[in-house]
């Protein structure tokens, strides 16, 4: 089993920054990729960014390119999401997820483990 715990959410003004953390524990050696997703009220859960443990290859949703950066610290089993130039539209619950598949996916159903989520609120 793999356990994921997100932290770092909070309230920030538009144009500000936050850094989210996702601490992984358990059988993390079985996971191939980590992803960040978000879900706003009345909307579907959407992919934000992803990264592989082995190579650090990253991929992003078009809506956050140039503003968000995903990174990982393999020694700490931790994945980060640096969010800059935040907009009110970024307000959502942000979830960390892990995938065992040897492929990159933007679909939530392709991820095997999920964190509890952390709230990010951006004021206008």
Protein backbone atom coordinates (compact mmCIF):
# COMPACT_ATOMS: atom_id res chain seq x y z
CA UNK A 1 0.00 0.00 0.00
CA UNK A 2 0.96 3.61 -0.60
CA UNK A 3 -0.16 6.51 1.55
CA UNK A 4 -0.17 10.10 0.30
CA UNK A 5 -0.56 13.22 2.44
CA UNK A 6 -0.89 16.70 0.94
CA UNK A 7 -0.05 19.92 2.74
CA UNK A 8 0.61 23.58 2.00
CA UNK A 9 -2.82 24.76 0.93
CA UNK A 10 -4.32 27.98 2.16
CA UNK A 11 -5.62 31.42 1.27
CA UNK A 12 -3.60 33.70 -0.99
CA UNK A 13 -4.21 36.87 -2.99
CA UNK A 14 -4.35 36.82 -6.77
CA UNK A 15 -0.84 37.02 -8.14
CA UNK A 16 0.62 35.34 -5.08
CA UNK A 17 2.28 31.97 -4.64
CA UNK A 18 1.86 28.73 -2.72
CA UNK A 19 3.85 25.51 -2.60
CA UNK A 20 2.02 22.25 -2.08
CA UNK A 21 3.75 19.14 -0.77
CA UNK A 22 2.80 15.49 -1.14
CA UNK A 23 4.54 13.08 1.22
CA UNK A 24 4.45 9.44 0.10
CA UNK A 25 4.98 6.44 2.36
CA UNK A 26 4.59 2.68 2.21
CA UNK A 27 5.43 0.73 -0.96
CA UNK A 28 6.48 3.78 -2.93
CA UNK A 29 8.94 1.70 -4.98
CA UNK A 30 5.97 0.26 -6.85
CA UNK A 31 4.84 3.64 -8.19
CA UNK A 32 5.99 5.06 -11.51
CA UNK A 33 4.45 8.51 -11.70
CA UNK A 34 2.94 11.13 -9.43
CA UNK A 35 0.28 13.60 -10.39
CA UNK A 36 -1.50 16.65 -9.05
CA UNK A 37 -5.21 17.07 -9.72
CA UNK A 38 -7.72 19.69 -8.65
CA UNK A 39 -11.46 19.91 -8.31
CA UNK A 40 -13.44 23.13 -8.03
CA UNK A 41 -17.12 23.36 -7.03
CA UNK A 42 -19.36 22.29 -9.89
CA UNK A 43 -16.47 21.02 -11.99
CA UNK A 44 -14.89 17.65 -12.76
CA UNK A 45 -11.59 16.65 -11.25
CA UNK A 46 -8.89 17.81 -13.65
CA UNK A 47 -5.25 17.02 -14.21
CA UNK A 48 -2.78 19.75 -13.23
CA UNK A 49 0.75 18.32 -13.47
CA UNK A 50 2.62 15.02 -13.43
CA UNK A 51 6.14 13.73 -12.87
CA UNK A 52 7.98 10.39 -12.99
CA UNK A 53 10.09 9.24 -10.05
CA UNK A 54 12.84 7.74 -12.19
CA UNK A 55 13.62 10.46 -14.72
CA UNK A 56 11.80 13.51 -13.40
CA UNK A 57 9.95 13.95 -16.69
CA UNK A 58 7.21 16.51 -16.20
CA UNK A 59 4.00 17.36 -17.96
CA UNK A 60 1.39 20.06 -17.36
CA UNK A 61 -2.14 21.09 -18.16
CA UNK A 62 -2.22 24.01 -20.59
CA UNK A 63 -4.02 26.14 -18.01
CA UNK A 64 -1.03 26.13 -15.63
CA UNK A 65 1.96 26.07 -17.97
CA UNK A 66 4.39 28.85 -17.16
CA UNK A 67 2.87 29.37 -13.71
CA UNK A 68 3.09 26.01 -11.91
CA UNK A 69 6.13 23.77 -11.48
CA UNK A 70 6.07 20.16 -10.31
CA UNK A 71 9.19 18.63 -8.78
CA UNK A 72 10.21 15.67 -6.65
CA UNK A 73 12.73 14.78 -3.97
CA UNK A 74 13.24 11.03 -4.25
CA UNK A 75 15.20 10.82 -0.99
CA UNK A 76 12.26 12.34 0.88
CA UNK A 77 9.57 10.54 -1.14
CA UNK A 78 7.97 13.92 -1.63
CA UNK A 79 6.47 15.69 -4.62
CA UNK A 80 5.94 19.44 -4.75
CA UNK A 81 3.75 21.80 -6.72
CA UNK A 82 5.02 25.37 -6.82
CA UNK A 83 2.16 27.64 -7.83
CA UNK A 84 2.97 31.18 -8.93
CA UNK A 85 0.86 33.98 -10.40
CA UNK A 86 -2.22 32.43 -8.85
CA UNK A 87 -5.63 33.34 -10.20
CA UNK A 88 -9.09 33.06 -8.61
CA UNK A 89 -9.77 30.33 -11.19
CA UNK A 90 -7.11 28.21 -9.48
CA UNK A 91 -9.31 27.92 -6.38
CA UNK A 92 -9.96 24.23 -5.79
CA UNK A 93 -9.18 21.22 -3.65
CA UNK A 94 -5.83 19.91 -4.83
CA UNK A 95 -5.14 16.16 -4.72
CA UNK A 96 -1.93 14.20 -4.99
CA UNK A 97 -2.05 10.81 -6.74
CA UNK A 98 0.31 7.94 -7.57
CA UNK A 99 0.24 5.56 -10.53
CA UNK A 100 1.75 2.07 -10.86
CA UNK A 101 1.41 2.01 -14.64
CA UNK A 102 4.47 2.46 -16.85
CA UNK A 103 2.78 5.22 -18.76
CA UNK A 104 1.85 8.86 -18.32
CA UNK A 105 -1.79 9.71 -17.87
CA UNK A 106 -3.97 12.74 -17.26
CA UNK A 107 -6.99 10.62 -16.33
CA UNK A 108 -7.82 10.21 -12.62
CA UNK A 109 -8.94 6.60 -13.11
CA UNK A 110 -5.41 5.63 -14.14
CA UNK A 111 -4.04 6.52 -10.69
CA UNK A 112 -3.98 3.93 -7.93
CA UNK A 113 -3.49 5.95 -4.75
CA UNK A 114 -4.84 9.32 -3.62
CA UNK A 115 -4.27 11.80 -0.85
CA UNK A 116 -6.99 13.49 1.16
CA UNK A 117 -6.74 16.81 -0.66
CA UNK A 118 -5.76 20.30 0.43
CA UNK A 119 -7.79 23.46 -0.13
CA UNK A 120 -6.34 26.32 -2.17
CA UNK A 121 -8.30 29.56 -2.21
CA UNK A 122 -7.22 32.55 -4.31
CA UNK A 123 -8.89 35.86 -3.53
CA UNK A 124 -9.60 38.43 -6.24
